[in-house]
Amino acid sequence: KISQVTGDYILPLKKLVREKIFQLTIKDGENFGVIMPT
């Protein structure tokens, strides 16, 4: 829903953990949001 409003792309943490991707680059002007359950 946030992506639909802002146009930002979504990235599942599960994918990063499984593929062992630990470096993320956030481009100039880009939002960085984190959405987690309690």
PDB file of all heavy atoms in Angstrom:
ATOM      1  N   LYS A   1       0.830  -1.212   0.000  1.00  0.00           N
ATOM      2  CA  LYS A   1       0.000   0.000   0.000  1.00  0.00           C
ATOM      3  C   LYS A   1       0.862   1.259   0.000  1.00  0.00           C
ATOM      4  O   LYS A   1       0.548   2.237  -0.688  1.00  0.00           O
ATOM      5  CB  LYS A   1      -0.944  -0.008   1.198  1.00  0.00           C
ATOM      6  CG  LYS A   1      -2.063  -1.032   1.083  1.00  0.00           C
ATOM      7  CD  LYS A   1      -2.899  -0.802  -0.179  1.00  0.00           C
ATOM      8  CE  LYS A   1      -3.964  -1.828  -0.374  1.00  0.00           C
ATOM      9  NZ  LYS A   1      -4.745  -1.625  -1.622  1.00  0.00           N
ATOM     10  N   ILE A   2       1.939   1.258   0.761  1.00  0.00           N
ATOM     11  CA  ILE A   2       2.840   2.413   0.742  1.00  0.00           C
ATOM     12  C   ILE A   2       3.514   2.525  -0.620  1.00  0.00           C
ATOM     13  O   ILE A   2       3.667   3.626  -1.167  1.00  0.00           O
ATOM     14  CB  ILE A   2       3.876   2.305   1.874  1.00  0.00           C
ATOM     15  CG1 ILE A   2       3.180   2.395   3.242  1.00  0.00           C
ATOM     16  CG2 ILE A   2       4.934   3.404   1.743  1.00  0.00           C
ATOM     17  CD1 ILE A   2       4.105   2.234   4.428  1.00  0.00           C
ATOM     18  N   SER A   3       3.881   1.389  -1.190  1.00  0.00           N
ATOM     19  CA  SER A   3       4.502   1.381  -2.514  1.00  0.00           C
ATOM     20  C   SER A   3       3.577   1.963  -3.576  1.00  0.00           C
ATOM     21  O   SER A   3       4.011   2.705  -4.466  1.00  0.00           O
ATOM     22  CB  SER A   3       4.892  -0.047  -2.896  1.00  0.00           C
ATOM     23  OG  SER A   3       5.352  -0.113  -4.224  1.00  0.00           O
ATOM     24  N   GLN A   4       2.290   1.638  -3.488  1.00  0.00           N
ATOM     25  CA  GLN A   4       1.323   2.155  -4.459  1.00  0.00           C
ATOM     26  C   GLN A   4       1.219   3.674  -4.401  1.00  0.00           C
ATOM     27  O   GLN A   4       1.002   4.339  -5.424  1.00  0.00           O
ATOM     28  CB  GLN A   4      -0.047   1.526  -4.208  1.00  0.00           C
ATOM     29  CG  GLN A   4      -0.134   0.058  -4.576  1.00  0.00           C
ATOM     30  CD  GLN A   4      -1.420  -0.594  -4.113  1.00  0.00           C
ATOM     31  OE1 GLN A   4      -2.359   0.093  -3.677  1.00  0.00           O
ATOM     32  NE2 GLN A   4      -1.501  -1.919  -4.175  1.00  0.00           N
ATOM     33  N   VAL A   5       1.407   4.241  -3.214  1.00  0.00           N
ATOM     34  CA  VAL A   5       1.300   5.692  -3.036  1.00  0.00           C
ATOM     35  C   VAL A   5       2.596   6.403  -3.405  1.00  0.00           C
ATOM     36  O   VAL A   5       2.587   7.450  -4.056  1.00  0.00           O
ATOM     37  CB  VAL A   5       0.902   6.027  -1.579  1.00  0.00           C
ATOM     38  CG1 VAL A   5       0.993   7.525  -1.313  1.00  0.00           C
ATOM     39  CG2 VAL A   5      -0.516   5.528  -1.297  1.00  0.00           C
ATOM     40  N   THR A   6       3.726   5.822  -3.013  1.00  0.00           N
ATOM     41  CA  THR A   6       5.017   6.500  -3.176  1.00  0.00           C
ATOM     42  C   THR A   6       5.776   6.097  -4.440  1.00  0.00           C
ATOM     43  O   THR A   6       6.664   6.821  -4.888  1.00  0.00           O
ATOM     44  CB  THR A   6       5.928   6.205  -1.981  1.00  0.00           C
ATOM     45  OG1 THR A   6       6.210   4.784  -1.935  1.00  0.00           O
ATOM     46  CG2 THR A   6       5.261   6.630  -0.678  1.00  0.00           C
ATOM     47  N   GLY A   7       5.444   4.915  -4.986  1.00  0.00           N
ATOM     48  CA  GLY A   7       6.192   4.413  -6.135  1.00  0.00           C
ATOM     49  C   GLY A   7       7.473   3.691  -5.757  1.00  0.00           C
ATOM     50  O   GLY A   7       8.213   3.228  -6.630  1.00  0.00           O
ATOM     51  N   ASP A   8       7.760   3.566  -4.469  1.00  0.00           N
ATOM     52  CA  ASP A   8       8.954   2.859  -4.014  1.00  0.00           C
ATOM     53  C   ASP A   8       8.778   1.349  -4.179  1.00  0.00           C
ATOM     54  O   ASP A   8       7.681   0.825  -4.014  1.00  0.00           O
ATOM     55  CB  ASP A   8       9.234   3.175  -2.540  1.00  0.00           C
ATOM     56  CG  ASP A   8       9.523   4.644  -2.312  1.00  0.00           C
ATOM     57  OD1 ASP A   8      10.120   5.278  -3.198  1.00  0.00           O
ATOM     58  OD2 ASP A   8       9.124   5.166  -1.244  1.00  0.00           O
ATOM     59  N   TYR A   9       9.848   0.656  -4.499  1.00  0.00           N
ATOM     60  CA  TYR A   9       9.756  -0.792  -4.688  1.00  0.00           C
ATOM     61  C   TYR A   9       9.913  -1.507  -3.355  1.00  0.00           C
ATOM     62  O   TYR A   9      10.516  -0.988  -2.417  1.00  0.00           O
ATOM     63  CB  TYR A   9      10.792  -1.285  -5.690  1.00  0.00           C
ATOM     64  CG  TYR A   9      12.231  -1.204  -5.234  1.00  0.00           C
ATOM     65  CD1 TYR A   9      12.866  -2.296  -4.643  1.00  0.00           C
ATOM     66  CD2 TYR A   9      12.971  -0.028  -5.405  1.00  0.00           C
ATOM     67  CE1 TYR A   9      14.186  -2.224  -4.236  1.00  0.00           C
ATOM     68  CE2 TYR A   9      14.289   0.058  -5.004  1.00  0.00           C
ATOM     69  CZ  TYR A   9      14.888  -1.044  -4.426  1.00  0.00           C
ATOM     70  OH  TYR A   9      16.194  -0.963  -4.007  1.00  0.00           O
ATOM     71  N   ILE A  10       9.319  -2.691  -3.263  1.00  0.00           N
ATOM     72  CA  ILE A  10       9.359  -3.457  -2.018  1.00  0.00           C
ATOM     73  C   ILE A  10      10.379  -4.590  -2.133  1.00  0.00           C
ATOM     74  O   ILE A  10      10.604  -5.146  -3.207  1.00  0.00           O
ATOM     75  CB  ILE A  10       7.972  -3.997  -1.630  1.00  0.00           C
ATOM     76  CG1 ILE A  10       7.476  -5.035  -2.620  1.00  0.00           C
ATOM     77  CG2 ILE A  10       6.968  -2.850  -1.495  1.00  0.00           C
ATOM     78  CD1 ILE A  10       6.167  -5.691  -2.195  1.00  0.00           C
ATOM     79  N   LEU A  11      10.987  -4.901  -1.000  1.00  0.00           N
ATOM     80  CA  LEU A  11      12.049  -5.901  -0.964  1.00  0.00           C
ATOM     81  C   LEU A  11      11.848  -6.790   0.263  1.00  0.00           C
ATOM     82  O   LEU A  11      11.924  -6.305   1.396  1.00  0.00           O
ATOM     83  CB  LEU A  11      13.405  -5.191  -0.888  1.00  0.00           C
ATOM     84  CG  LEU A  11      14.663  -6.049  -0.900  1.00  0.00           C
ATOM     85  CD1 LEU A  11      14.781  -6.844  -2.197  1.00  0.00           C
ATOM     86  CD2 LEU A  11      15.889  -5.152  -0.713  1.00  0.00           C
ATOM     87  N   PRO A  12      11.580  -8.087   0.069  1.00  0.00           N
ATOM     88  CA  PRO A  12      11.368  -8.966   1.223  1.00  0.00           C
ATOM     89  C   PRO A  12      12.671  -9.323   1.928  1.00  0.00           C
ATOM     90  O   PRO A  12      13.654  -9.718   1.288  1.00  0.00           O
ATOM     91  CB  PRO A  12      10.723 -10.213   0.593  1.00  0.00           C
ATOM     92  CG  PRO A  12      11.157 -10.201  -0.829  1.00  0.00           C
ATOM     93  CD  PRO A  12      11.330  -8.769  -1.220  1.00  0.00           C
ATOM     94  N   LEU A  13      12.682  -9.181   3.236  1.00  0.00           N
ATOM     95  CA  LEU A  13      13.850  -9.551   4.028  1.00  0.00           C
ATOM     96  C   LEU A  13      14.192 -11.017   3.838  1.00  0.00           C
ATOM     97  O   LEU A  13      15.374 -11.390   3.846  1.00  0.00           O
ATOM     98  CB  LEU A  13      13.576  -9.247   5.506  1.00  0.00           C
ATOM     99  CG  LEU A  13      14.661  -9.647   6.503  1.00  0.00           C
ATOM    100  CD1 LEU A  13      15.965  -8.897   6.239  1.00  0.00           C
ATOM    101  CD2 LEU A  13      14.192  -9.415   7.931  1.00  0.00           C
ATOM    102  N   LYS A  14      13.179 -11.836   3.656  1.00  0.00           N
ATOM    103  CA  LYS A  14      13.410 -13.272   3.463  1.00  0.00           C
ATOM    104  C   LYS A  14      14.345 -13.544   2.290  1.00  0.00           C
ATOM    105  O   LYS A  14      15.221 -14.411   2.365  1.00  0.00           O
ATOM    106  CB  LYS A  14      12.074 -13.986   3.252  1.00  0.00           C
ATOM    107  CG  LYS A  14      12.196 -15.489   3.035  1.00  0.00           C
ATOM    108  CD  LYS A  14      10.852 -16.167   3.133  1.00  0.00           C
ATOM    109  CE  LYS A  14       9.911 -15.761   2.040  1.00  0.00           C
ATOM    110  NZ  LYS A  14       8.640 -16.533   2.108  1.00  0.00           N
ATOM    111  N   LYS A  15      14.174 -12.811   1.219  1.00  0.00           N
ATOM    112  CA  LYS A  15      15.032 -12.966   0.039  1.00  0.00           C
ATOM    113  C   LYS A  15      16.483 -12.614   0.376  1.00  0.00           C
ATOM    114  O   LYS A  15      17.420 -13.339  -0.002  1.00  0.00           O
ATOM    115  CB  LYS A  15      14.520 -12.084  -1.092  1.00  0.00           C
ATOM    116  CG  LYS A  15      15.425 -12.018  -2.325  1.00  0.00           C
ATOM    117  CD  LYS A  15      14.845 -11.070  -3.369  1.00  0.00           C
ATOM    118  CE  LYS A  15      15.807 -10.849  -4.524  1.00  0.00           C
ATOM    119  NZ  LYS A  15      16.012 -12.086  -5.310  1.00  0.00           N
ATOM    120  N   LEU A  16      16.663 -11.518   1.108  1.00  0.00           N
ATOM    121  CA  LEU A  16      18.020 -11.093   1.459  1.00  0.00           C
ATOM    122  C   LEU A  16      18.699 -12.113   2.359  1.00  0.00           C
ATOM    123  O   LEU A  16      19.883 -12.405   2.197  1.00  0.00           O
ATOM    124  CB  LEU A  16      17.969  -9.737   2.164  1.00  0.00           C
ATOM    125  CG  LEU A  16      17.341  -8.578   1.379  1.00  0.00           C
ATOM    126  CD1 LEU A  16      17.395  -7.299   2.203  1.00  0.00           C
ATOM    127  CD2 LEU A  16      18.035  -8.380   0.037  1.00  0.00           C
ATOM    128  N   VAL A  17      17.955 -12.651   3.323  1.00  0.00           N
ATOM    129  CA  VAL A  17      18.521 -13.631   4.253  1.00  0.00           C
ATOM    130  C   VAL A  17      18.890 -14.913   3.525  1.00  0.00           C
ATOM    131  O   VAL A  17      19.988 -15.452   3.695  1.00  0.00           O
ATOM    132  CB  VAL A  17      17.533 -13.916   5.396  1.00  0.00           C
ATOM    133  CG1 VAL A  17      17.997 -15.091   6.246  1.00  0.00           C
ATOM    134  CG2 VAL A  17      17.367 -12.672   6.266  1.00  0.00           C
ATOM    135  N   ARG A  18      17.978 -15.391   2.695  1.00  0.00           N
ATOM    136  CA  ARG A  18      18.232 -16.644   1.980  1.00  0.00           C
ATOM    137  C   ARG A  18      19.403 -16.525   1.012  1.00  0.00           C
ATOM    138  O   ARG A  18      20.201 -17.455   0.860  1.00  0.00           O
ATOM    139  CB  ARG A  18      16.979 -17.072   1.215  1.00  0.00           C
ATOM    140  CG  ARG A  18      15.924 -17.712   2.091  1.00  0.00           C
ATOM    141  CD  ARG A  18      14.731 -18.106   1.259  1.00  0.00           C
ATOM    142  NE  ARG A  18      13.882 -19.053   1.951  1.00  0.00           N
ATOM    143  CZ  ARG A  18      12.732 -19.510   1.476  1.00  0.00           C
ATOM    144  NH1 ARG A  18      12.300 -19.074   0.306  1.00  0.00           N
ATOM    145  NH2 ARG A  18      12.019 -20.368   2.163  1.00  0.00           N
ATOM    146  N   GLU A  19      19.512 -15.380   0.344  1.00  0.00           N
ATOM    147  CA  GLU A  19      20.560 -15.178  -0.662  1.00  0.00           C
ATOM    148  C   GLU A  19      21.806 -14.529  -0.083  1.00  0.00           C
ATOM    149  O   GLU A  19      22.750 -14.227  -0.808  1.00  0.00           O
ATOM    150  CB  GLU A  19      20.008 -14.355  -1.821  1.00  0.00           C
ATOM    151  CG  GLU A  19      18.853 -15.036  -2.539  1.00  0.00           C
ATOM    152  CD  GLU A  19      18.312 -14.224  -3.699  1.00  0.00           C
ATOM    153  OE1 GLU A  19      18.939 -13.208  -4.079  1.00  0.00           O
ATOM    154  OE2 GLU A  19      17.251 -14.613  -4.233  1.00  0.00           O
ATOM    155  N   LYS A  20      21.798 -14.314   1.227  1.00  0.00           N
ATOM    156  CA  LYS A  20      22.941 -13.735   1.942  1.00  0.00           C
ATOM    157  C   LYS A  20      23.379 -12.407   1.322  1.00  0.00           C
ATOM    158  O   LYS A  20      24.559 -12.163   1.070  1.00  0.00           O
ATOM    159  CB  LYS A  20      24.103 -14.742   1.983  1.00  0.00           C
ATOM    160  CG  LYS A  20      23.793 -15.987   2.807  1.00  0.00           C
ATOM    161  CD  LYS A  20      24.962 -16.951   2.832  1.00  0.00           C
ATOM    162  CE  LYS A  20      24.728 -18.089   3.819  1.00  0.00           C
ATOM    163  NZ  LYS A  20      23.485 -18.836   3.577  1.00  0.00           N
ATOM    164  N   ILE A  21      22.396 -11.551   1.086  1.00  0.00           N
ATOM    165  CA  ILE A  21      22.664 -10.202   0.574  1.00  0.00           C
ATOM    166  C   ILE A  21      22.629  -9.244   1.762  1.00  0.00           C
ATOM    167  O   ILE A  21      21.578  -9.003   2.351  1.00  0.00           O
ATOM    168  CB  ILE A  21      21.600  -9.790  -0.470  1.00  0.00           C
ATOM    169  CG1 ILE A  21      21.608 -10.763  -1.642  1.00  0.00           C
ATOM    170  CG2 ILE A  21      21.840  -8.358  -0.952  1.00  0.00           C
ATOM    171  CD1 ILE A  21      20.457 -10.559  -2.616  1.00  0.00           C
ATOM    172  N   PHE A  22      23.784  -8.711   2.106  1.00  0.00           N
ATOM    173  CA  PHE A  22      23.872  -7.887   3.311  1.00  0.00           C
ATOM    174  C   PHE A  22      24.186  -6.418   3.027  1.00  0.00           C
ATOM    175  O   PHE A  22      24.177  -5.603   3.938  1.00  0.00           O
ATOM    176  CB  PHE A  22      24.925  -8.461   4.267  1.00  0.00           C
ATOM    177  CG  PHE A  22      24.534  -9.794   4.837  1.00  0.00           C
ATOM    178  CD1 PHE A  22      25.081 -10.965   4.337  1.00  0.00           C
ATOM    179  CD2 PHE A  22      23.603  -9.882   5.859  1.00  0.00           C
ATOM    180  CE1 PHE A  22      24.712 -12.197   4.855  1.00  0.00           C
ATOM    181  CE2 PHE A  22      23.226 -11.105   6.390  1.00  0.00           C
ATOM    182  CZ  PHE A  22      23.781 -12.276   5.879  1.00  0.00           C
ATOM    183  N   GLN A  23      24.466  -6.095   1.781  1.00  0.00           N
ATOM    184  CA  GLN A  23      24.743  -4.697   1.431  1.00  0.00           C
ATOM    185  C   GLN A  23      23.632  -4.155   0.549  1.00  0.00           C
ATOM    186  O   GLN A  23      23.307  -4.731  -0.486  1.00  0.00           O
ATOM    187  CB  GLN A  23      26.086  -4.570   0.707  1.00  0.00           C
ATOM    188  CG  GLN A  23      26.439  -3.127   0.341  1.00  0.00           C
ATOM    189  CD  GLN A  23      27.863  -2.981  -0.160  1.00  0.00           C
ATOM    190  OE1 GLN A  23      28.809  -3.319   0.547  1.00  0.00           O
ATOM    191  NE2 GLN A  23      28.022  -2.479  -1.376  1.00  0.00           N
ATOM    192  N   LEU A  24      23.034  -3.060   0.989  1.00  0.00           N
ATOM    193  CA  LEU A  24      21.968  -2.419   0.237  1.00  0.00           C
ATOM    194  C   LEU A  24      22.349  -0.980  -0.048  1.00  0.00           C
ATOM    195  O   LEU A  24      22.847  -0.274   0.829  1.00  0.00           O
ATOM    196  CB  LEU A  24      20.656  -2.445   1.023  1.00  0.00           C
ATOM    197  CG  LEU A  24      20.051  -3.822   1.330  1.00  0.00           C
ATOM    198  CD1 LEU A  24      18.780  -3.657   2.162  1.00  0.00           C
ATOM    199  CD2 LEU A  24      19.754  -4.582   0.055  1.00  0.00           C
ATOM    200  N   THR A  25      22.122  -0.540  -1.290  1.00  0.00           N
ATOM    201  CA  THR A  25      22.416   0.827  -1.684  1.00  0.00           C
ATOM    202  C   THR A  25      21.114   1.585  -1.920  1.00  0.00           C
ATOM    203  O   THR A  25      20.266   1.138  -2.697  1.00  0.00           O
ATOM    204  CB  THR A  25      23.271   0.860  -2.966  1.00  0.00           C
ATOM    205  OG1 THR A  25      24.514   0.179  -2.713  1.00  0.00           O
ATOM    206  CG2 THR A  25      23.563   2.296  -3.380  1.00  0.00           C
ATOM    207  N   ILE A  26      20.973   2.700  -1.239  1.00  0.00           N
ATOM    208  CA  ILE A  26      19.788   3.536  -1.376  1.00  0.00           C
ATOM    209  C   ILE A  26      20.216   4.780  -2.157  1.00  0.00           C
ATOM    210  O   ILE A  26      21.062   5.559  -1.693  1.00  0.00           O
ATOM    211  CB  ILE A  26      19.202   3.919   0.005  1.00  0.00           C
ATOM    212  CG1 ILE A  26      18.757   2.642   0.751  1.00  0.00           C
ATOM    213  CG2 ILE A  26      18.010   4.846  -0.158  1.00  0.00           C
ATOM    214  CD1 ILE A  26      19.834   1.977   1.567  1.00  0.00           C
ATOM    215  N   LYS A  27      19.645   4.963  -3.318  1.00  0.00           N
ATOM    216  CA  LYS A  27      20.070   6.035  -4.214  1.00  0.00           C
ATOM    217  C   LYS A  27      19.639   7.407  -3.704  1.00  0.00           C
ATOM    218  O   LYS A  27      18.710   7.529  -2.900  1.00  0.00           O
ATOM    219  CB  LYS A  27      19.513   5.787  -5.612  1.00  0.00           C
ATOM    220  CG  LYS A  27      20.020   4.503  -6.265  1.00  0.00           C
ATOM    221  CD  LYS A  27      19.414   4.303  -7.643  1.00  0.00           C
ATOM    222  CE  LYS A  27      19.922   3.010  -8.278  1.00  0.00           C
ATOM    223  NZ  LYS A  27      19.323   2.775  -9.615  1.00  0.00           N
ATOM    224  N   ASP A  28      20.322   8.428  -4.187  1.00  0.00           N
ATOM    225  CA  ASP A  28      20.000   9.800  -3.800  1.00  0.00           C
ATOM    226  C   ASP A  28      18.536  10.109  -4.123  1.00  0.00           C
ATOM    227  O   ASP A  28      18.060   9.818  -5.225  1.00  0.00           O
ATOM    228  CB  ASP A  28      20.913  10.774  -4.545  1.00  0.00           C
ATOM    229  CG  ASP A  28      20.746  12.205  -4.058  1.00  0.00           C
ATOM    230  OD1 ASP A  28      20.340  12.393  -2.896  1.00  0.00           O
ATOM    231  OD2 ASP A  28      21.000  13.133  -4.844  1.00  0.00           O
ATOM    232  N   GLY A  29      17.826  10.650  -3.156  1.00  0.00           N
ATOM    233  CA  GLY A  29      16.423  10.994  -3.341  1.00  0.00           C
ATOM    234  C   GLY A  29      15.454   9.872  -3.034  1.00  0.00           C
ATOM    235  O   GLY A  29      14.238  10.082  -3.025  1.00  0.00           O
ATOM    236  N   GLU A  30      15.969   8.690  -2.774  1.00  0.00           N
ATOM    237  CA  GLU A  30      15.110   7.521  -2.552  1.00  0.00           C
ATOM    238  C   GLU A  30      14.691   7.419  -1.084  1.00  0.00           C
ATOM    239  O   GLU A  30      15.489   7.668  -0.177  1.00  0.00           O
ATOM    240  CB  GLU A  30      15.859   6.259  -2.974  1.00  0.00           C
ATOM    241  CG  GLU A  30      15.054   4.969  -2.901  1.00  0.00           C
ATOM    242  CD  GLU A  30      15.854   3.760  -3.360  1.00  0.00           C
ATOM    243  OE1 GLU A  30      16.980   3.933  -3.860  1.00  0.00           O
ATOM    244  OE2 GLU A  30      15.341   2.643  -3.208  1.00  0.00           O
ATOM    245  N   ASN A  31      13.445   7.035  -0.846  1.00  0.00           N
ATOM    246  CA  ASN A  31      12.988   6.736   0.505  1.00  0.00           C
ATOM    247  C   ASN A  31      13.572   5.403   0.961  1.00  0.00           C
ATOM    248  O   ASN A  31      13.853   4.516   0.142  1.00  0.00           O
ATOM    249  CB  ASN A  31      11.461   6.639   0.565  1.00  0.00           C
ATOM    250  CG  ASN A  31      10.774   7.954   0.286  1.00  0.00           C
ATOM    251  OD1 ASN A  31      11.323   9.020   0.528  1.00  0.00           O
ATOM    252  ND2 ASN A  31       9.553   7.885  -0.235  1.00  0.00           N
ATOM    253  N   PHE A  32      13.709   5.245   2.266  1.00  0.00           N
ATOM    254  CA  PHE A  32      14.089   3.949   2.832  1.00  0.00           C
ATOM    255  C   PHE A  32      13.133   3.641   3.975  1.00  0.00           C
ATOM    256  O   PHE A  32      13.165   4.279   5.029  1.00  0.00           O
ATOM    257  CB  PHE A  32      15.525   3.954   3.342  1.00  0.00           C
ATOM    258  CG  PHE A  32      15.940   2.650   3.979  1.00  0.00           C
ATOM    259  CD1 PHE A  32      15.983   1.482   3.227  1.00  0.00           C
ATOM    260  CD2 PHE A  32      16.251   2.575   5.327  1.00  0.00           C
ATOM    261  CE1 PHE A  32      16.358   0.267   3.806  1.00  0.00           C
ATOM    262  CE2 PHE A  32      16.623   1.377   5.909  1.00  0.00           C
ATOM    263  CZ  PHE A  32      16.675   0.219   5.146  1.00  0.00           C
ATOM    264  N   GLY A  33      12.237   2.681   3.745  1.00  0.00           N
ATOM    265  CA  GLY A  33      11.272   2.280   4.754  1.00  0.00           C
ATOM    266  C   GLY A  33      11.518   0.865   5.223  1.00  0.00           C
ATOM    267  O   GLY A  33      11.961   0.009   4.440  1.00  0.00           O
ATOM    268  N   VAL A  34      11.252   0.597   6.487  1.00  0.00           N
ATOM    269  CA  VAL A  34      11.363  -0.743   7.065  1.00  0.00           C
ATOM    270  C   VAL A  34      10.031  -1.067   7.730  1.00  0.00           C
ATOM    271  O   VAL A  34       9.518  -0.274   8.529  1.00  0.00           O
ATOM    272  CB  VAL A  34      12.505  -0.822   8.096  1.00  0.00           C
ATOM    273  CG1 VAL A  34      12.578  -2.231   8.693  1.00  0.00           C
ATOM    274  CG2 VAL A  34      13.836  -0.437   7.465  1.00  0.00           C
ATOM    275  N   ILE A  35       9.467  -2.219   7.383  1.00  0.00           N
ATOM    276  CA  ILE A  35       8.164  -2.622   7.921  1.00  0.00           C
ATOM    277  C   ILE A  35       8.311  -3.991   8.581  1.00  0.00           C
ATOM    278  O   ILE A  35       8.639  -4.972   7.906  1.00  0.00           O
ATOM    279  CB  ILE A  35       7.103  -2.657   6.811  1.00  0.00           C
ATOM    280  CG1 ILE A  35       7.005  -1.280   6.146  1.00  0.00           C
ATOM    281  CG2 ILE A  35       5.747  -3.076   7.372  1.00  0.00           C
ATOM    282  CD1 ILE A  35       6.137  -1.254   4.923  1.00  0.00           C
ATOM    283  N   MET A  36       8.074  -4.039   9.886  1.00  0.00           N
ATOM    284  CA  MET A  36       8.300  -5.257  10.657  1.00  0.00           C
ATOM    285  C   MET A  36       7.136  -5.546  11.595  1.00  0.00           C
ATOM    286  O   MET A  36       6.499  -4.623  12.128  1.00  0.00           O
ATOM    287  CB  MET A  36       9.585  -5.125  11.499  1.00  0.00           C
ATOM    288  CG  MET A  36      10.862  -5.080  10.701  1.00  0.00           C
ATOM    289  SD  MET A  36      11.273  -6.689   9.984  1.00  0.00           S
ATOM    290  CE  MET A  36      11.919  -6.164   8.387  1.00  0.00           C
ATOM    291  N   PRO A  37       6.865  -6.827  11.850  1.00  0.00           N
ATOM    292  CA  PRO A  37       5.859  -7.188  12.859  1.00  0.00           C
ATOM    293  C   PRO A  37       6.441  -7.087  14.263  1.00  0.00           C
ATOM    294  O   PRO A  37       7.664  -7.162  14.447  1.00  0.00           O
ATOM    295  CB  PRO A  37       5.539  -8.649  12.510  1.00  0.00           C
ATOM    296  CG  PRO A  37       6.828  -9.165  11.934  1.00  0.00           C
ATOM    297  CD  PRO A  37       7.435  -8.005  11.181  1.00  0.00           C
ATOM    298  N   THR A  38       5.583  -6.907  15.241  1.00  0.00           N
ATOM    299  CA  THR A  38       6.010  -6.866  16.643  1.00  0.00           C
ATOM    300  C   THR A  38       6.040  -8.281  17.196  1.00  0.00           C
ATOM    301  O   THR A  38       5.023  -8.982  17.197  1.00  0.00           O
ATOM    302  CB  THR A  38       5.047  -6.003  17.478  1.00  0.00           C
ATOM    303  OG1 THR A  38       5.010  -4.686  16.926  1.00  0.00           O
ATOM    304  CG2 THR A  38       5.508  -5.929  18.934  1.00  0.00           C
TER     305      THR A  38
END
